[in-house]
Amino acid sequence: MRTVKEKTKKDLKPKDNVKNIPKDELVLIIQDLEEEMKMASLKLDFESAAKIRDQIQFLEGVSD
């Protein structure tokens, strides 16, 4: 069974209502996504890195 963080990170879409995610969980998700974005960049997978960046920006907007 996946944790809330794993499920949220995998299934995250901009149209989803993520305002119900606890702030501490949101911070962890953003940290994980930042790490994934760095790894994608190191692999020169800039398209994936850009998609992850967009997810991070969306989540940061929700957490404000």
PDB file of N, CA and C in Angstrom:
ATOM      1  N   MET A   1       0.834  -1.175   0.000  1.00  0.00           N
ATOM      2  CA  MET A   1       0.000   0.000   0.000  1.00  0.00           C
ATOM      3  C   MET A   1       0.884   1.245   0.000  1.00  0.00           C
ATOM      4  N   ARG A   2       0.567   2.199  -0.874  1.00  0.00           N
ATOM      5  CA  ARG A   2       1.364   3.417  -0.968  1.00  0.00           C
ATOM      6  C   ARG A   2       0.982   4.393   0.139  1.00  0.00           C
ATOM      7  N   THR A   3       1.994   5.168   0.576  1.00  0.00           N
ATOM      8  CA  THR A   3       1.724   6.202   1.571  1.00  0.00           C
ATOM      9  C   THR A   3       1.008   7.356   0.890  1.00  0.00           C
ATOM     10  N   VAL A   4       0.483   8.267   1.684  1.00  0.00           N
ATOM     11  CA  VAL A   4      -0.189   9.447   1.123  1.00  0.00           C
ATOM     12  C   VAL A   4       0.772  10.223   0.244  1.00  0.00           C
ATOM     13  N   LYS A   5       2.015  10.364   0.703  1.00  0.00           N
ATOM     14  CA  LYS A   5       3.012  11.111  -0.059  1.00  0.00           C
ATOM     15  C   LYS A   5       3.277  10.460  -1.409  1.00  0.00           C
ATOM     16  N   GLU A   6       3.472   9.153  -1.426  1.00  0.00           N
ATOM     17  CA  GLU A   6       3.724   8.449  -2.679  1.00  0.00           C
ATOM     18  C   GLU A   6       2.538   8.577  -3.620  1.00  0.00           C
ATOM     19  N   LYS A   7       1.350   8.389  -3.098  1.00  0.00           N
ATOM     20  CA  LYS A   7       0.146   8.474  -3.922  1.00  0.00           C
ATOM     21  C   LYS A   7      -0.028   9.880  -4.466  1.00  0.00           C
ATOM     22  N   THR A   8       0.148  10.871  -3.618  1.00  0.00           N
ATOM     23  CA  THR A   8      -0.047  12.256  -4.036  1.00  0.00           C
ATOM     24  C   THR A   8       0.969  12.647  -5.093  1.00  0.00           C
ATOM     25  N   LYS A   9       2.218  12.310  -4.874  1.00  0.00           N
ATOM     26  CA  LYS A   9       3.271  12.686  -5.806  1.00  0.00           C
ATOM     27  C   LYS A   9       3.059  12.020  -7.165  1.00  0.00           C
ATOM     28  N   LYS A  10       2.704  10.761  -7.166  1.00  0.00           N
ATOM     29  CA  LYS A  10       2.507  10.021  -8.413  1.00  0.00           C
ATOM     30  C   LYS A  10       1.288  10.504  -9.181  1.00  0.00           C
ATOM     31  N   ASP A  11       0.204  10.774  -8.467  1.00  0.00           N
ATOM     32  CA  ASP A  11      -1.076  11.051  -9.098  1.00  0.00           C
ATOM     33  C   ASP A  11      -1.391  12.536  -9.212  1.00  0.00           C
ATOM     34  N   LEU A  12      -0.426  13.383  -8.884  1.00  0.00           N
ATOM     35  CA  LEU A  12      -0.671  14.815  -8.836  1.00  0.00           C
ATOM     36  C   LEU A  12      -0.977  15.392 -10.212  1.00  0.00           C
ATOM     37  N   LYS A  13      -2.074  16.102 -10.278  1.00  0.00           N
ATOM     38  CA  LYS A  13      -2.456  16.806 -11.495  1.00  0.00           C
ATOM     39  C   LYS A  13      -2.919  18.200 -11.075  1.00  0.00           C
ATOM     40  N   PRO A  14      -2.650  19.223 -11.902  1.00  0.00           N
ATOM     41  CA  PRO A  14      -3.027  20.580 -11.519  1.00  0.00           C
ATOM     42  C   PRO A  14      -4.497  20.752 -11.167  1.00  0.00           C
ATOM     43  N   LYS A  15      -5.364  19.964 -11.761  1.00  0.00           N
ATOM     44  CA  LYS A  15      -6.791  20.133 -11.496  1.00  0.00           C
ATOM     45  C   LYS A  15      -7.221  19.536 -10.148  1.00  0.00           C
ATOM     46  N   ASP A  16      -6.344  18.726  -9.539  1.00  0.00           N
ATOM     47  CA  ASP A  16      -6.688  18.090  -8.279  1.00  0.00           C
ATOM     48  C   ASP A  16      -6.749  19.110  -7.151  1.00  0.00           C
ATOM     49  N   ASN A  17      -7.586  18.849  -6.182  1.00  0.00           N
ATOM     50  CA  ASN A  17      -7.690  19.704  -5.012  1.00  0.00           C
ATOM     51  C   ASN A  17      -6.677  19.236  -3.981  1.00  0.00           C
ATOM     52  N   VAL A  18      -5.528  19.878  -3.958  1.00  0.00           N
ATOM     53  CA  VAL A  18      -4.471  19.489  -3.034  1.00  0.00           C
ATOM     54  C   VAL A  18      -4.485  20.332  -1.767  1.00  0.00           C
ATOM     55  N   LYS A  19      -5.459  21.205  -1.649  1.00  0.00           N
ATOM     56  CA  LYS A  19      -5.547  22.037  -0.449  1.00  0.00           C
ATOM     57  C   LYS A  19      -5.839  21.206   0.794  1.00  0.00           C
ATOM     58  N   ASN A  20      -6.309  19.992   0.624  1.00  0.00           N
ATOM     59  CA  ASN A  20      -6.607  19.121   1.751  1.00  0.00           C
ATOM     60  C   ASN A  20      -5.379  18.378   2.267  1.00  0.00           C
ATOM     61  N   ILE A  21      -4.266  18.491   1.564  1.00  0.00           N
ATOM     62  CA  ILE A  21      -3.030  17.832   2.000  1.00  0.00           C
ATOM     63  C   ILE A  21      -2.428  18.662   3.134  1.00  0.00           C
ATOM     64  N   PRO A  22      -2.077  18.023   4.241  1.00  0.00           N
ATOM     65  CA  PRO A  22      -1.448  18.770   5.343  1.00  0.00           C
ATOM     66  C   PRO A  22      -0.165  19.463   4.882  1.00  0.00           C
ATOM     67  N   LYS A  23       0.097  20.644   5.434  1.00  0.00           N
ATOM     68  CA  LYS A  23       1.258  21.442   5.009  1.00  0.00           C
ATOM     69  C   LYS A  23       2.568  20.693   5.180  1.00  0.00           C
ATOM     70  N   ASP A  24       2.720  19.949   6.277  1.00  0.00           N
ATOM     71  CA  ASP A  24       3.969  19.216   6.485  1.00  0.00           C
ATOM     72  C   ASP A  24       4.159  18.142   5.424  1.00  0.00           C
ATOM     73  N   GLU A  25       3.075  17.530   5.001  1.00  0.00           N
ATOM     74  CA  GLU A  25       3.129  16.526   3.926  1.00  0.00           C
ATOM     75  C   GLU A  25       3.473  17.198   2.595  1.00  0.00           C
ATOM     76  N   LEU A  26       2.920  18.378   2.371  1.00  0.00           N
ATOM     77  CA  LEU A  26       3.179  19.132   1.149  1.00  0.00           C
ATOM     78  C   LEU A  26       4.654  19.513   1.047  1.00  0.00           C
ATOM     79  N   VAL A  27       5.245  19.896   2.153  1.00  0.00           N
ATOM     80  CA  VAL A  27       6.665  20.245   2.181  1.00  0.00           C
ATOM     81  C   VAL A  27       7.512  19.034   1.785  1.00  0.00           C
ATOM     82  N   LEU A  28       7.175  17.873   2.314  1.00  0.00           N
ATOM     83  CA  LEU A  28       7.920  16.651   1.980  1.00  0.00           C
ATOM     84  C   LEU A  28       7.763  16.286   0.503  1.00  0.00           C
ATOM     85  N   ILE A  29       6.568  16.459  -0.015  1.00  0.00           N
ATOM     86  CA  ILE A  29       6.325  16.160  -1.431  1.00  0.00           C
ATOM     87  C   ILE A  29       7.165  17.090  -2.300  1.00  0.00           C
ATOM     88  N   ILE A  30       7.188  18.375  -1.960  1.00  0.00           N
ATOM     89  CA  ILE A  30       7.964  19.342  -2.737  1.00  0.00           C
ATOM     90  C   ILE A  30       9.446  18.996  -2.675  1.00  0.00           C
ATOM     91  N   GLN A  31       9.944  18.628  -1.504  1.00  0.00           N
ATOM     92  CA  GLN A  31      11.354  18.244  -1.379  1.00  0.00           C
ATOM     93  C   GLN A  31      11.680  17.035  -2.251  1.00  0.00           C
ATOM     94  N   ASP A  32      10.812  16.047  -2.244  1.00  0.00           N
ATOM     95  CA  ASP A  32      11.025  14.861  -3.081  1.00  0.00           C
ATOM     96  C   ASP A  32      11.005  15.220  -4.559  1.00  0.00           C
ATOM     97  N   LEU A  33      10.073  16.069  -4.945  1.00  0.00           N
ATOM     98  CA  LEU A  33       9.987  16.483  -6.347  1.00  0.00           C
ATOM     99  C   LEU A  33      11.225  17.272  -6.771  1.00  0.00           C
ATOM    100  N   GLU A  34      11.742  18.111  -5.877  1.00  0.00           N
ATOM    101  CA  GLU A  34      12.966  18.855  -6.196  1.00  0.00           C
ATOM    102  C   GLU A  34      14.128  17.905  -6.451  1.00  0.00           C
ATOM    103  N   GLU A  35      14.215  16.858  -5.644  1.00  0.00           N
ATOM    104  CA  GLU A  35      15.273  15.864  -5.835  1.00  0.00           C
ATOM    105  C   GLU A  35      15.089  15.132  -7.172  1.00  0.00           C
ATOM    106  N   GLU A  36      13.861  14.765  -7.487  1.00  0.00           N
ATOM    107  CA  GLU A  36      13.589  14.106  -8.769  1.00  0.00           C
ATOM    108  C   GLU A  36      13.924  15.028  -9.942  1.00  0.00           C
ATOM    109  N   MET A  37      13.625  16.320  -9.798  1.00  0.00           N
ATOM    110  CA  MET A  37      13.924  17.275 -10.861  1.00  0.00           C
ATOM    111  C   MET A  37      15.433  17.375 -11.076  1.00  0.00           C
ATOM    112  N   LYS A  38      16.194  17.408  -9.995  1.00  0.00           N
ATOM    113  CA  LYS A  38      17.654  17.451 -10.110  1.00  0.00           C
ATOM    114  C   LYS A  38      18.185  16.196 -10.798  1.00  0.00           C
ATOM    115  N   MET A  39      17.644  15.045 -10.425  1.00  0.00           N
ATOM    116  CA  MET A  39      18.089  13.790 -11.045  1.00  0.00           C
ATOM    117  C   MET A  39      17.764  13.766 -12.536  1.00  0.00           C
ATOM    118  N   ALA A  40      16.586  14.241 -12.892  1.00  0.00           N
ATOM    119  CA  ALA A  40      16.206  14.289 -14.308  1.00  0.00           C
ATOM    120  C   ALA A  40      17.145  15.207 -15.080  1.00  0.00           C
ATOM    121  N   SER A  41      17.506  16.335 -14.482  1.00  0.00           N
ATOM    122  CA  SER A  41      18.427  17.263 -15.138  1.00  0.00           C
ATOM    123  C   SER A  41      19.806  16.634 -15.325  1.00  0.00           C
ATOM    124  N   LEU A  42      20.266  15.921 -14.308  1.00  0.00           N
ATOM    125  CA  LEU A  42      21.564  15.263 -14.422  1.00  0.00           C
ATOM    126  C   LEU A  42      21.573  14.221 -15.536  1.00  0.00           C
ATOM    127  N   LYS A  43      20.418  13.605 -15.774  1.00  0.00           N
ATOM    128  CA  LYS A  43      20.290  12.609 -16.842  1.00  0.00           C
ATOM    129  C   LYS A  43      19.990  13.271 -18.184  1.00  0.00           C
ATOM    130  N   LEU A  44      19.992  14.613 -18.178  1.00  0.00           N
ATOM    131  CA  LEU A  44      19.694  15.409 -19.374  1.00  0.00           C
ATOM    132  C   LEU A  44      18.271  15.184 -19.887  1.00  0.00           C
ATOM    133  N   ASP A  45      17.404  14.811 -18.990  1.00  0.00           N
ATOM    134  CA  ASP A  45      15.986  14.624 -19.312  1.00  0.00           C
ATOM    135  C   ASP A  45      15.247  15.912 -18.932  1.00  0.00           C
ATOM    136  N   PHE A  46      15.468  16.931 -19.748  1.00  0.00           N
ATOM    137  CA  PHE A  46      14.971  18.256 -19.420  1.00  0.00           C
ATOM    138  C   PHE A  46      13.455  18.377 -19.540  1.00  0.00           C
ATOM    139  N   GLU A  47      12.861  17.567 -20.382  1.00  0.00           N
ATOM    140  CA  GLU A  47      11.399  17.588 -20.494  1.00  0.00           C
ATOM    141  C   GLU A  47      10.757  17.116 -19.182  1.00  0.00           C
ATOM    142  N   SER A  48      11.267  16.034 -18.631  1.00  0.00           N
ATOM    143  CA  SER A  48      10.757  15.553 -17.349  1.00  0.00           C
ATOM    144  C   SER A  48      11.042  16.552 -16.241  1.00  0.00           C
ATOM    145  N   ALA A  49      12.226  17.123 -16.258  1.00  0.00           N
ATOM    146  CA  ALA A  49      12.590  18.111 -15.242  1.00  0.00           C
ATOM    147  C   ALA A  49      11.639  19.310 -15.292  1.00  0.00           C
ATOM    148  N   ALA A  50      11.273  19.731 -16.479  1.00  0.00           N
ATOM    149  CA  ALA A  50      10.353  20.865 -16.628  1.00  0.00           C
ATOM    150  C   ALA A  50       8.955  20.522 -16.110  1.00  0.00           C
ATOM    151  N   LYS A  51       8.509  19.304 -16.369  1.00  0.00           N
ATOM    152  CA  LYS A  51       7.197  18.880 -15.860  1.00  0.00           C
ATOM    153  C   LYS A  51       7.191  18.854 -14.331  1.00  0.00           C
ATOM    154  N   ILE A  52       8.269  18.352 -13.767  1.00  0.00           N
ATOM    155  CA  ILE A  52       8.385  18.302 -12.313  1.00  0.00           C
ATOM    156  C   ILE A  52       8.450  19.725 -11.754  1.00  0.00           C
ATOM    157  N   ARG A  53       9.192  20.605 -12.428  1.00  0.00           N
ATOM    158  CA  ARG A  53       9.265  22.006 -12.003  1.00  0.00           C
ATOM    159  C   ARG A  53       7.872  22.624 -11.957  1.00  0.00           C
ATOM    160  N   ASP A  54       7.064  22.328 -12.970  1.00  0.00           N
ATOM    161  CA  ASP A  54       5.706  22.858 -13.019  1.00  0.00           C
ATOM    162  C   ASP A  54       4.868  22.341 -11.841  1.00  0.00           C
ATOM    163  N   GLN A  55       5.048  21.075 -11.497  1.00  0.00           N
ATOM    164  CA  GLN A  55       4.341  20.520 -10.338  1.00  0.00           C
ATOM    165  C   GLN A  55       4.762  21.223  -9.061  1.00  0.00           C
ATOM    166  N   ILE A  56       6.066  21.458  -8.923  1.00  0.00           N
ATOM    167  CA  ILE A  56       6.584  22.142  -7.737  1.00  0.00           C
ATOM    168  C   ILE A  56       5.984  23.548  -7.635  1.00  0.00           C
ATOM    169  N   GLN A  57       5.980  24.273  -8.741  1.00  0.00           N
ATOM    170  CA  GLN A  57       5.442  25.632  -8.726  1.00  0.00           C
ATOM    171  C   GLN A  57       3.970  25.628  -8.370  1.00  0.00           C
ATOM    172  N   PHE A  58       3.228  24.661  -8.875  1.00  0.00           N
ATOM    173  CA  PHE A  58       1.817  24.539  -8.545  1.00  0.00           C
ATOM    174  C   PHE A  58       1.630  24.301  -7.047  1.00  0.00           C
ATOM    175  N   LEU A  59       2.404  23.360  -6.503  1.00  0.00           N
ATOM    176  CA  LEU A  59       2.287  23.040  -5.083  1.00  0.00           C
ATOM    177  C   LEU A  59       2.706  24.199  -4.189  1.00  0.00           C
ATOM    178  N   GLU A  60       3.736  24.910  -4.616  1.00  0.00           N
ATOM    179  CA  GLU A  60       4.172  26.065  -3.840  1.00  0.00           C
ATOM    180  C   GLU A  60       3.088  27.145  -3.831  1.00  0.00           C
ATOM    181  N   GLY A  61       2.365  27.283  -4.911  1.00  0.00           N
ATOM    182  CA  GLY A  61       1.264  28.226  -4.967  1.00  0.00           C
ATOM    183  C   GLY A  61       0.133  27.831  -4.038  1.00  0.00           C
ATOM    184  N   VAL A  62      -0.096  26.535  -3.905  1.00  0.00           N
ATOM    185  CA  VAL A  62      -1.152  26.021  -3.022  1.00  0.00           C
ATOM    186  C   VAL A  62      -0.745  26.212  -1.565  1.00  0.00           C
ATOM    187  N   SER A  63       0.536  26.042  -1.275  1.00  0.00           N
ATOM    188  CA  SER A  63       0.984  26.092   0.118  1.00  0.00           C
ATOM    189  C   SER A  63       1.095  27.504   0.667  1.00  0.00           C
ATOM    190  N   ASP A  64       1.017  28.514  -0.201  1.00  0.00           N
ATOM    191  CA  ASP A  64       1.099  29.907   0.267  1.00  0.00           C
ATOM    192  C   ASP A  64      -0.147  30.358   0.963  1.00  0.00           C
TER     193      ASP A  64
END
